[in-house]
Amino acid sequence: MQILCQTAANRGVDCRDLTDPAIKARIKRRVIVALAILPIFIAGLVLGGVFLGLYVTNVLGFGNSALMPIAFSLLGFFVSLIISYVVAKRAANVSYES
């Protein structure tokens, strides 16, 4: 709670506002939505990378090489990690204005 109060003080907000039930409900709702969407998003980008890798392998005629699907799935995974970090950071930030 002390860290939250310091963060609130840096933003010019009174720490007592963090005990407001409306702000608590807004934080909880944003975190639940982020936790529900992020795993689906990560899995979608990784699977999309696998299928894109399979397509590129087929178009370029590499045969049955697994290199491209693995490379594109890793690329999708790292992109999803970066986007997940940004989304989680935004979900944790709460606007204190009404």
PDB file of N, CA and C in Angstrom:
ATOM      1  N   MET A   1       0.826  -1.192   0.000  1.00  0.00           N
ATOM      2  CA  MET A   1       0.000   0.000   0.000  1.00  0.00           C
ATOM      3  C   MET A   1       0.866   1.249   0.000  1.00  0.00           C
ATOM      4  N   GLN A   2       2.039   1.172   0.647  1.00  0.00           N
ATOM      5  CA  GLN A   2       2.907   2.334   0.708  1.00  0.00           C
ATOM      6  C   GLN A   2       3.416   2.708  -0.676  1.00  0.00           C
ATOM      7  N   ILE A   3       3.719   1.704  -1.503  1.00  0.00           N
ATOM      8  CA  ILE A   3       4.188   1.982  -2.869  1.00  0.00           C
ATOM      9  C   ILE A   3       3.078   2.647  -3.671  1.00  0.00           C
ATOM     10  N   LEU A   4       1.844   2.172  -3.490  1.00  0.00           N
ATOM     11  CA  LEU A   4       0.714   2.795  -4.187  1.00  0.00           C
ATOM     12  C   LEU A   4       0.533   4.241  -3.748  1.00  0.00           C
ATOM     13  N   CYS A   5       0.719   4.502  -2.462  1.00  0.00           N
ATOM     14  CA  CYS A   5       0.597   5.875  -1.966  1.00  0.00           C
ATOM     15  C   CYS A   5       1.698   6.763  -2.534  1.00  0.00           C
ATOM     16  N   GLN A   6       2.917   6.228  -2.654  1.00  0.00           N
ATOM     17  CA  GLN A   6       4.004   7.016  -3.229  1.00  0.00           C
ATOM     18  C   GLN A   6       3.728   7.312  -4.700  1.00  0.00           C
ATOM     19  N   THR A   7       3.230   6.315  -5.427  1.00  0.00           N
ATOM     20  CA  THR A   7       2.898   6.520  -6.841  1.00  0.00           C
ATOM     21  C   THR A   7       1.788   7.540  -6.979  1.00  0.00           C
ATOM     22  N   ALA A   8       0.791   7.448  -6.118  1.00  0.00           N
ATOM     23  CA  ALA A   8      -0.307   8.404  -6.161  1.00  0.00           C
ATOM     24  C   ALA A   8       0.186   9.811  -5.818  1.00  0.00           C
ATOM     25  N   ALA A   9       1.082   9.911  -4.849  1.00  0.00           N
ATOM     26  CA  ALA A   9       1.609  11.217  -4.466  1.00  0.00           C
ATOM     27  C   ALA A   9       2.413  11.832  -5.606  1.00  0.00           C
ATOM     28  N   ASN A  10       3.129  11.003  -6.356  1.00  0.00           N
ATOM     29  CA  ASN A  10       3.876  11.522  -7.503  1.00  0.00           C
ATOM     30  C   ASN A  10       2.943  12.074  -8.573  1.00  0.00           C
ATOM     31  N   ARG A  11       1.743  11.570  -8.632  1.00  0.00           N
ATOM     32  CA  ARG A  11       0.767  12.050  -9.617  1.00  0.00           C
ATOM     33  C   ARG A  11      -0.100  13.180  -9.061  1.00  0.00           C
ATOM     34  N   GLY A  12       0.141  13.550  -7.834  1.00  0.00           N
ATOM     35  CA  GLY A  12      -0.629  14.633  -7.239  1.00  0.00           C
ATOM     36  C   GLY A  12      -1.994  14.190  -6.755  1.00  0.00           C
ATOM     37  N   VAL A  13      -2.131  12.921  -6.393  1.00  0.00           N
ATOM     38  CA  VAL A  13      -3.403  12.383  -5.940  1.00  0.00           C
ATOM     39  C   VAL A  13      -3.279  12.027  -4.465  1.00  0.00           C
ATOM     40  N   ASP A  14      -4.315  12.309  -3.724  1.00  0.00           N
ATOM     41  CA  ASP A  14      -4.315  11.955  -2.307  1.00  0.00           C
ATOM     42  C   ASP A  14      -4.423  10.440  -2.171  1.00  0.00           C
ATOM     43  N   CYS A  15      -3.661   9.877  -1.279  1.00  0.00           N
ATOM     44  CA  CYS A  15      -3.619   8.420  -1.091  1.00  0.00           C
ATOM     45  C   CYS A  15      -4.969   7.870  -0.651  1.00  0.00           C
ATOM     46  N   ARG A  16      -5.780   8.683  -0.032  1.00  0.00           N
ATOM     47  CA  ARG A  16      -7.093   8.214   0.408  1.00  0.00           C
ATOM     48  C   ARG A  16      -7.991   7.874  -0.774  1.00  0.00           C
ATOM     49  N   ASP A  17      -7.685   8.427  -1.959  1.00  0.00           N
ATOM     50  CA  ASP A  17      -8.484   8.111  -3.140  1.00  0.00           C
ATOM     51  C   ASP A  17      -8.338   6.646  -3.543  1.00  0.00           C
ATOM     52  N   LEU A  18      -7.230   6.003  -3.160  1.00  0.00           N
ATOM     53  CA  LEU A  18      -7.016   4.602  -3.521  1.00  0.00           C
ATOM     54  C   LEU A  18      -7.939   3.664  -2.763  1.00  0.00           C
ATOM     55  N   THR A  19      -8.546   4.144  -1.692  1.00  0.00           N
ATOM     56  CA  THR A  19      -9.490   3.324  -0.951  1.00  0.00           C
ATOM     57  C   THR A  19     -10.908   3.506  -1.473  1.00  0.00           C
ATOM     58  N   ASP A  20     -11.091   4.342  -2.463  1.00  0.00           N
ATOM     59  CA  ASP A  20     -12.408   4.573  -3.053  1.00  0.00           C
ATOM     60  C   ASP A  20     -12.881   3.298  -3.743  1.00  0.00           C
ATOM     61  N   PRO A  21     -14.079   2.819  -3.420  1.00  0.00           N
ATOM     62  CA  PRO A  21     -14.568   1.570  -4.028  1.00  0.00           C
ATOM     63  C   PRO A  21     -14.699   1.643  -5.556  1.00  0.00           C
ATOM     64  N   ALA A  22     -14.988   2.808  -6.088  1.00  0.00           N
ATOM     65  CA  ALA A  22     -15.118   2.940  -7.543  1.00  0.00           C
ATOM     66  C   ALA A  22     -13.766   2.737  -8.228  1.00  0.00           C
ATOM     67  N   ILE A  23     -12.723   3.285  -7.632  1.00  0.00           N
ATOM     68  CA  ILE A  23     -11.380   3.117  -8.213  1.00  0.00           C
ATOM     69  C   ILE A  23     -10.930   1.669  -8.072  1.00  0.00           C
ATOM     70  N   LYS A  24     -11.210   1.048  -6.935  1.00  0.00           N
ATOM     71  CA  LYS A  24     -10.862  -0.365  -6.752  1.00  0.00           C
ATOM     72  C   LYS A  24     -11.590  -1.241  -7.769  1.00  0.00           C
ATOM     73  N   ALA A  25     -12.858  -0.950  -8.005  1.00  0.00           N
ATOM     74  CA  ALA A  25     -13.634  -1.740  -8.976  1.00  0.00           C
ATOM     75  C   ALA A  25     -13.088  -1.546 -10.390  1.00  0.00           C
ATOM     76  N   ARG A  26     -12.689  -0.323 -10.716  1.00  0.00           N
ATOM     77  CA  ARG A  26     -12.125  -0.048 -12.042  1.00  0.00           C
ATOM     78  C   ARG A  26     -10.806  -0.791 -12.240  1.00  0.00           C
ATOM     79  N   ILE A  27      -9.959  -0.805 -11.206  1.00  0.00           N
ATOM     80  CA  ILE A  27      -8.690  -1.532 -11.290  1.00  0.00           C
ATOM     81  C   ILE A  27      -8.950  -3.025 -11.458  1.00  0.00           C
ATOM     82  N   LYS A  28      -9.861  -3.566 -10.660  1.00  0.00           N
ATOM     83  CA  LYS A  28     -10.148  -4.995 -10.719  1.00  0.00           C
ATOM     84  C   LYS A  28     -10.702  -5.382 -12.088  1.00  0.00           C
ATOM     85  N   ARG A  29     -11.600  -4.584 -12.633  1.00  0.00           N
ATOM     86  CA  ARG A  29     -12.189  -4.875 -13.941  1.00  0.00           C
ATOM     87  C   ARG A  29     -11.129  -4.839 -15.034  1.00  0.00           C
ATOM     88  N   ARG A  30     -10.257  -3.858 -15.004  1.00  0.00           N
ATOM     89  CA  ARG A  30      -9.212  -3.748 -16.034  1.00  0.00           C
ATOM     90  C   ARG A  30      -8.224  -4.909 -15.956  1.00  0.00           C
ATOM     91  N   VAL A  31      -7.877  -5.323 -14.753  1.00  0.00           N
ATOM     92  CA  VAL A  31      -6.940  -6.435 -14.592  1.00  0.00           C
ATOM     93  C   VAL A  31      -7.573  -7.746 -15.052  1.00  0.00           C
ATOM     94  N   ILE A  32      -8.845  -7.970 -14.722  1.00  0.00           N
ATOM     95  CA  ILE A  32      -9.520  -9.195 -15.135  1.00  0.00           C
ATOM     96  C   ILE A  32      -9.643  -9.262 -16.652  1.00  0.00           C
ATOM     97  N   VAL A  33      -9.980  -8.153 -17.288  1.00  0.00           N
ATOM     98  CA  VAL A  33     -10.076  -8.135 -18.753  1.00  0.00           C
ATOM     99  C   VAL A  33      -8.706  -8.402 -19.374  1.00  0.00           C
ATOM    100  N   ALA A  34      -7.671  -7.791 -18.831  1.00  0.00           N
ATOM    101  CA  ALA A  34      -6.323  -8.009 -19.367  1.00  0.00           C
ATOM    102  C   ALA A  34      -5.893  -9.460 -19.187  1.00  0.00           C
ATOM    103  N   LEU A  35      -6.183 -10.049 -18.033  1.00  0.00           N
ATOM    104  CA  LEU A  35      -5.798 -11.440 -17.796  1.00  0.00           C
ATOM    105  C   LEU A  35      -6.600 -12.418 -18.644  1.00  0.00           C
ATOM    106  N   ALA A  36      -7.798 -12.039 -19.042  1.00  0.00           N
ATOM    107  CA  ALA A  36      -8.602 -12.918 -19.884  1.00  0.00           C
ATOM    108  C   ALA A  36      -8.174 -12.840 -21.341  1.00  0.00           C
ATOM    109  N   ILE A  37      -7.763 -11.667 -21.796  1.00  0.00           N
ATOM    110  CA  ILE A  37      -7.461 -11.473 -23.214  1.00  0.00           C
ATOM    111  C   ILE A  37      -6.020 -11.835 -23.556  1.00  0.00           C
ATOM    112  N   LEU A  38      -5.078 -11.561 -22.687  1.00  0.00           N
ATOM    113  CA  LEU A  38      -3.670 -11.752 -23.020  1.00  0.00           C
ATOM    114  C   LEU A  38      -3.281 -13.187 -23.403  1.00  0.00           C
ATOM    115  N   PRO A  39      -3.733 -14.225 -22.705  1.00  0.00           N
ATOM    116  CA  PRO A  39      -3.355 -15.581 -23.142  1.00  0.00           C
ATOM    117  C   PRO A  39      -3.887 -15.931 -24.535  1.00  0.00           C
ATOM    118  N   ILE A  40      -5.091 -15.491 -24.841  1.00  0.00           N
ATOM    119  CA  ILE A  40      -5.664 -15.724 -26.175  1.00  0.00           C
ATOM    120  C   ILE A  40      -4.842 -14.987 -27.223  1.00  0.00           C
ATOM    121  N   PHE A  41      -4.440 -13.783 -26.906  1.00  0.00           N
ATOM    122  CA  PHE A  41      -3.643 -12.972 -27.820  1.00  0.00           C
ATOM    123  C   PHE A  41      -2.278 -13.614 -28.077  1.00  0.00           C
ATOM    124  N   ILE A  42      -1.636 -14.091 -27.019  1.00  0.00           N
ATOM    125  CA  ILE A  42      -0.321 -14.727 -27.159  1.00  0.00           C
ATOM    126  C   ILE A  42      -0.433 -15.997 -28.000  1.00  0.00           C
ATOM    127  N   ALA A  43      -1.419 -16.834 -27.683  1.00  0.00           N
ATOM    128  CA  ALA A  43      -1.596 -18.075 -28.441  1.00  0.00           C
ATOM    129  C   ALA A  43      -1.921 -17.783 -29.900  1.00  0.00           C
ATOM    130  N   GLY A  44      -2.704 -16.757 -30.157  1.00  0.00           N
ATOM    131  CA  GLY A  44      -3.041 -16.401 -31.532  1.00  0.00           C
ATOM    132  C   GLY A  44      -1.831 -15.969 -32.337  1.00  0.00           C
ATOM    133  N   LEU A  45      -0.968 -15.159 -31.742  1.00  0.00           N
ATOM    134  CA  LEU A  45       0.219 -14.724 -32.468  1.00  0.00           C
ATOM    135  C   LEU A  45       1.206 -15.869 -32.700  1.00  0.00           C
ATOM    136  N   VAL A  46       1.332 -16.755 -31.727  1.00  0.00           N
ATOM    137  CA  VAL A  46       2.250 -17.885 -31.899  1.00  0.00           C
ATOM    138  C   VAL A  46       1.719 -18.836 -32.970  1.00  0.00           C
ATOM    139  N   LEU A  47       0.441 -19.174 -32.911  1.00  0.00           N
ATOM    140  CA  LEU A  47      -0.136 -20.054 -33.928  1.00  0.00           C
ATOM    141  C   LEU A  47      -0.150 -19.395 -35.301  1.00  0.00           C
ATOM    142  N   GLY A  48      -0.418 -18.100 -35.320  1.00  0.00           N
ATOM    143  CA  GLY A  48      -0.347 -17.372 -36.590  1.00  0.00           C
ATOM    144  C   GLY A  48       1.059 -17.413 -37.171  1.00  0.00           C
ATOM    145  N   GLY A  49       2.065 -17.327 -36.321  1.00  0.00           N
ATOM    146  CA  GLY A  49       3.444 -17.425 -36.777  1.00  0.00           C
ATOM    147  C   GLY A  49       3.761 -18.792 -37.344  1.00  0.00           C
ATOM    148  N   VAL A  50       3.215 -19.842 -36.724  1.00  0.00           N
ATOM    149  CA  VAL A  50       3.438 -21.201 -37.225  1.00  0.00           C
ATOM    150  C   VAL A  50       2.819 -21.347 -38.616  1.00  0.00           C
ATOM    151  N   PHE A  51       1.569 -20.916 -38.763  1.00  0.00           N
ATOM    152  CA  PHE A  51       0.911 -21.048 -40.067  1.00  0.00           C
ATOM    153  C   PHE A  51       1.567 -20.167 -41.122  1.00  0.00           C
ATOM    154  N   LEU A  52       2.000 -18.972 -40.740  1.00  0.00           N
ATOM    155  CA  LEU A  52       2.717 -18.116 -41.689  1.00  0.00           C
ATOM    156  C   LEU A  52       4.038 -18.758 -42.096  1.00  0.00           C
ATOM    157  N   GLY A  53       4.729 -19.369 -41.147  1.00  0.00           N
ATOM    158  CA  GLY A  53       5.971 -20.070 -41.456  1.00  0.00           C
ATOM    159  C   GLY A  53       5.745 -21.250 -42.381  1.00  0.00           C
ATOM    160  N   LEU A  54       4.666 -21.994 -42.162  1.00  0.00           N
ATOM    161  CA  LEU A  54       4.337 -23.104 -43.055  1.00  0.00           C
ATOM    162  C   LEU A  54       4.020 -22.603 -44.459  1.00  0.00           C
ATOM    163  N   TYR A  55       3.305 -21.480 -44.529  1.00  0.00           N
ATOM    164  CA  TYR A  55       2.964 -20.910 -45.833  1.00  0.00           C
ATOM    165  C   TYR A  55       4.218 -20.444 -46.571  1.00  0.00           C
ATOM    166  N   VAL A  56       5.094 -19.743 -45.873  1.00  0.00           N
ATOM    167  CA  VAL A  56       6.332 -19.251 -46.499  1.00  0.00           C
ATOM    168  C   VAL A  56       7.205 -20.426 -46.933  1.00  0.00           C
ATOM    169  N   THR A  57       7.264 -21.462 -46.118  1.00  0.00           N
ATOM    170  CA  THR A  57       8.036 -22.652 -46.492  1.00  0.00           C
ATOM    171  C   THR A  57       7.482 -23.288 -47.757  1.00  0.00           C
ATOM    172  N   ASN A  58       6.164 -23.348 -47.854  1.00  0.00           N
ATOM    173  CA  ASN A  58       5.520 -23.935 -49.030  1.00  0.00           C
ATOM    174  C   ASN A  58       5.735 -23.074 -50.264  1.00  0.00           C
ATOM    175  N   VAL A  59       5.618 -21.758 -50.133  1.00  0.00           N
ATOM    176  CA  VAL A  59       5.766 -20.854 -51.282  1.00  0.00           C
ATOM    177  C   VAL A  59       7.206 -20.849 -51.782  1.00  0.00           C
ATOM    178  N   LEU A  60       8.164 -20.811 -50.866  1.00  0.00           N
ATOM    179  CA  LEU A  60       9.568 -20.764 -51.266  1.00  0.00           C
ATOM    180  C   LEU A  60      10.126 -22.127 -51.646  1.00  0.00           C
ATOM    181  N   GLY A  61       9.371 -23.185 -51.394  1.00  0.00           N
ATOM    182  CA  GLY A  61       9.783 -24.521 -51.806  1.00  0.00           C
ATOM    183  C   GLY A  61      10.907 -25.108 -50.984  1.00  0.00           C
ATOM    184  N   PHE A  62      10.873 -24.907 -49.669  1.00  0.00           N
ATOM    185  CA  PHE A  62      11.909 -25.474 -48.796  1.00  0.00           C
ATOM    186  C   PHE A  62      11.654 -26.928 -48.454  1.00  0.00           C
ATOM    187  N   GLY A  63      10.586 -27.505 -48.928  1.00  0.00           N
ATOM    188  CA  GLY A  63      10.270 -28.897 -48.596  1.00  0.00           C
ATOM    189  C   GLY A  63       9.598 -28.988 -47.242  1.00  0.00           C
ATOM    190  N   ASN A  64      10.054 -29.910 -46.427  1.00  0.00           N
ATOM    191  CA  ASN A  64       9.466 -30.113 -45.102  1.00  0.00           C
ATOM    192  C   ASN A  64      10.308 -29.483 -43.998  1.00  0.00           C
ATOM    193  N   SER A  65      10.934 -28.372 -44.282  1.00  0.00           N
ATOM    194  CA  SER A  65      11.778 -27.713 -43.297  1.00  0.00           C
ATOM    195  C   SER A  65      10.927 -27.107 -42.174  1.00  0.00           C
ATOM    196  N   ALA A  66      11.352 -27.308 -40.955  1.00  0.00           N
ATOM    197  CA  ALA A  66      10.643 -26.761 -39.791  1.00  0.00           C
ATOM    198  C   ALA A  66      11.249 -25.450 -39.316  1.00  0.00           C
ATOM    199  N   LEU A  67      12.256 -24.969 -40.031  1.00  0.00           N
ATOM    200  CA  LEU A  67      12.952 -23.763 -39.597  1.00  0.00           C
ATOM    201  C   LEU A  67      12.052 -22.530 -39.646  1.00  0.00           C
ATOM    202  N   MET A  68      11.358 -22.329 -40.751  1.00  0.00           N
ATOM    203  CA  MET A  68      10.524 -21.131 -40.897  1.00  0.00           C
ATOM    204  C   MET A  68       9.348 -21.114 -39.916  1.00  0.00           C
ATOM    205  N   PRO A  69       8.599 -22.212 -39.729  1.00  0.00           N
ATOM    206  CA  PRO A  69       7.514 -22.160 -38.732  1.00  0.00           C
ATOM    207  C   PRO A  69       8.015 -21.862 -37.324  1.00  0.00           C
ATOM    208  N   ILE A  70       9.160 -22.428 -36.966  1.00  0.00           N
ATOM    209  CA  ILE A  70       9.705 -22.164 -35.634  1.00  0.00           C
ATOM    210  C   ILE A  70      10.150 -20.708 -35.521  1.00  0.00           C
ATOM    211  N   ALA A  71      10.796 -20.196 -36.562  1.00  0.00           N
ATOM    212  CA  ALA A  71      11.269 -18.805 -36.525  1.00  0.00           C
ATOM    213  C   ALA A  71      10.099 -17.829 -36.443  1.00  0.00           C
ATOM    214  N   PHE A  72       9.048 -18.058 -37.243  1.00  0.00           N
ATOM    215  CA  PHE A  72       7.904 -17.146 -37.215  1.00  0.00           C
ATOM    216  C   PHE A  72       7.105 -17.273 -35.927  1.00  0.00           C
ATOM    217  N   SER A  73       7.030 -18.476 -35.355  1.00  0.00           N
ATOM    218  CA  SER A  73       6.323 -18.621 -34.087  1.00  0.00           C
ATOM    219  C   SER A  73       7.094 -17.929 -32.954  1.00  0.00           C
ATOM    220  N   LEU A  74       8.424 -18.004 -32.990  1.00  0.00           N
ATOM    221  CA  LEU A  74       9.217 -17.277 -31.996  1.00  0.00           C
ATOM    222  C   LEU A  74       9.071 -15.773 -32.160  1.00  0.00           C
ATOM    223  N   LEU A  75       9.027 -15.326 -33.406  1.00  0.00           N
ATOM    224  CA  LEU A  75       8.809 -13.896 -33.659  1.00  0.00           C
ATOM    225  C   LEU A  75       7.448 -13.461 -33.111  1.00  0.00           C
ATOM    226  N   GLY A  76       6.418 -14.266 -33.374  1.00  0.00           N
ATOM    227  CA  GLY A  76       5.094 -13.967 -32.834  1.00  0.00           C
ATOM    228  C   GLY A  76       5.067 -13.964 -31.322  1.00  0.00           C
ATOM    229  N   PHE A  77       5.817 -14.885 -30.719  1.00  0.00           N
ATOM    230  CA  PHE A  77       5.871 -14.951 -29.264  1.00  0.00           C
ATOM    231  C   PHE A  77       6.516 -13.707 -28.676  1.00  0.00           C
ATOM    232  N   PHE A  78       7.641 -13.284 -29.253  1.00  0.00           N
ATOM    233  CA  PHE A  78       8.320 -12.101 -28.722  1.00  0.00           C
ATOM    234  C   PHE A  78       7.503 -10.827 -28.950  1.00  0.00           C
ATOM    235  N   VAL A  79       6.833 -10.736 -30.082  1.00  0.00           N
ATOM    236  CA  VAL A  79       5.961  -9.578 -30.319  1.00  0.00           C
ATOM    237  C   VAL A  79       4.810  -9.586 -29.314  1.00  0.00           C
ATOM    238  N   SER A  80       4.251 -10.754 -29.044  1.00  0.00           N
ATOM    239  CA  SER A  80       3.151 -10.827 -28.086  1.00  0.00           C
ATOM    240  C   SER A  80       3.625 -10.497 -26.671  1.00  0.00           C
ATOM    241  N   LEU A  81       4.856 -10.844 -26.327  1.00  0.00           N
ATOM    242  CA  LEU A  81       5.378 -10.472 -25.009  1.00  0.00           C
ATOM    243  C   LEU A  81       5.503  -8.959 -24.873  1.00  0.00           C
ATOM    244  N   ILE A  82       5.985  -8.314 -25.910  1.00  0.00           N
ATOM    245  CA  ILE A  82       6.127  -6.858 -25.866  1.00  0.00           C
ATOM    246  C   ILE A  82       4.765  -6.193 -25.764  1.00  0.00           C
ATOM    247  N   ILE A  83       3.822  -6.657 -26.574  1.00  0.00           N
ATOM    248  CA  ILE A  83       2.478  -6.069 -26.540  1.00  0.00           C
ATOM    249  C   ILE A  83       1.802  -6.373 -25.202  1.00  0.00           C
ATOM    250  N   SER A  84       2.007  -7.561 -24.659  1.00  0.00           N
ATOM    251  CA  SER A  84       1.429  -7.907 -23.360  1.00  0.00           C
ATOM    252  C   SER A  84       1.971  -7.013 -22.253  1.00  0.00           C
ATOM    253  N   TYR A  85       3.254  -6.703 -22.321  1.00  0.00           N
ATOM    254  CA  TYR A  85       3.850  -5.804 -21.331  1.00  0.00           C
ATOM    255  C   TYR A  85       3.187  -4.425 -21.394  1.00  0.00           C
ATOM    256  N   VAL A  86       2.988  -3.926 -22.604  1.00  0.00           N
ATOM    257  CA  VAL A  86       2.364  -2.611 -22.766  1.00  0.00           C
ATOM    258  C   VAL A  86       0.922  -2.640 -22.260  1.00  0.00           C
ATOM    259  N   VAL A  87       0.187  -3.686 -22.607  1.00  0.00           N
ATOM    260  CA  VAL A  87      -1.207  -3.792 -22.164  1.00  0.00           C
ATOM    261  C   VAL A  87      -1.287  -3.922 -20.648  1.00  0.00           C
ATOM    262  N   ALA A  88      -0.426  -4.725 -20.054  1.00  0.00           N
ATOM    263  CA  ALA A  88      -0.436  -4.897 -18.598  1.00  0.00           C
ATOM    264  C   ALA A  88      -0.077  -3.596 -17.892  1.00  0.00           C
ATOM    265  N   LYS A  89       0.859  -2.861 -18.466  1.00  0.00           N
ATOM    266  CA  LYS A  89       1.236  -1.576 -17.876  1.00  0.00           C
ATOM    267  C   LYS A  89       0.075  -0.589 -17.939  1.00  0.00           C
ATOM    268  N   ARG A  90      -0.640  -0.585 -19.066  1.00  0.00           N
ATOM    269  CA  ARG A  90      -1.800   0.303 -19.187  1.00  0.00           C
ATOM    270  C   ARG A  90      -2.936  -0.135 -18.279  1.00  0.00           C
ATOM    271  N   ALA A  91      -3.103  -1.447 -18.085  1.00  0.00           N
ATOM    272  CA  ALA A  91      -4.166  -1.932 -17.211  1.00  0.00           C
ATOM    273  C   ALA A  91      -3.894  -1.570 -15.767  1.00  0.00           C
ATOM    274  N   ALA A  92      -2.619  -1.478 -15.412  1.00  0.00           N
ATOM    275  CA  ALA A  92      -2.280  -1.136 -14.024  1.00  0.00           C
ATOM    276  C   ALA A  92      -2.428   0.349 -13.750  1.00  0.00           C
ATOM    277  N   ASN A  93      -2.327   1.181 -14.766  1.00  0.00           N
ATOM    278  CA  ASN A  93      -2.481   2.622 -14.581  1.00  0.00           C
ATOM    279  C   ASN A  93      -3.957   2.962 -14.513  1.00  0.00           C
ATOM    280  N   VAL A  94      -4.295   3.758 -13.532  1.00  0.00           N
ATOM    281  CA  VAL A  94      -5.689   4.135 -13.328  1.00  0.00           C
ATOM    282  C   VAL A  94      -5.781   5.639 -13.427  1.00  0.00           C
ATOM    283  N   SER A  95      -6.745   6.104 -14.191  1.00  0.00           N
ATOM    284  CA  SER A  95      -6.972   7.550 -14.221  1.00  0.00           C
ATOM    285  C   SER A  95      -7.837   7.903 -13.008  1.00  0.00           C
ATOM    286  N   TYR A  96      -7.361   8.847 -12.253  1.00  0.00           N
ATOM    287  CA  TYR A  96      -8.050   9.194 -11.008  1.00  0.00           C
ATOM    288  C   TYR A  96      -9.126  10.239 -11.205  1.00  0.00           C
ATOM    289  N   GLU A  97      -9.224  10.772 -12.406  1.00  0.00           N
ATOM    290  CA  GLU A  97     -10.243  11.775 -12.649  1.00  0.00           C
ATOM    291  C   GLU A  97     -11.590  11.084 -12.805  1.00  0.00           C
ATOM    292  N   SER A  98     -12.625  11.753 -12.406  1.00  0.00           N
ATOM    293  CA  SER A  98     -13.968  11.177 -12.512  1.00  0.00           C
ATOM    294  C   SER A  98     -14.487  11.259 -13.924  1.00  0.00           C
TER     295      SER A  98
END
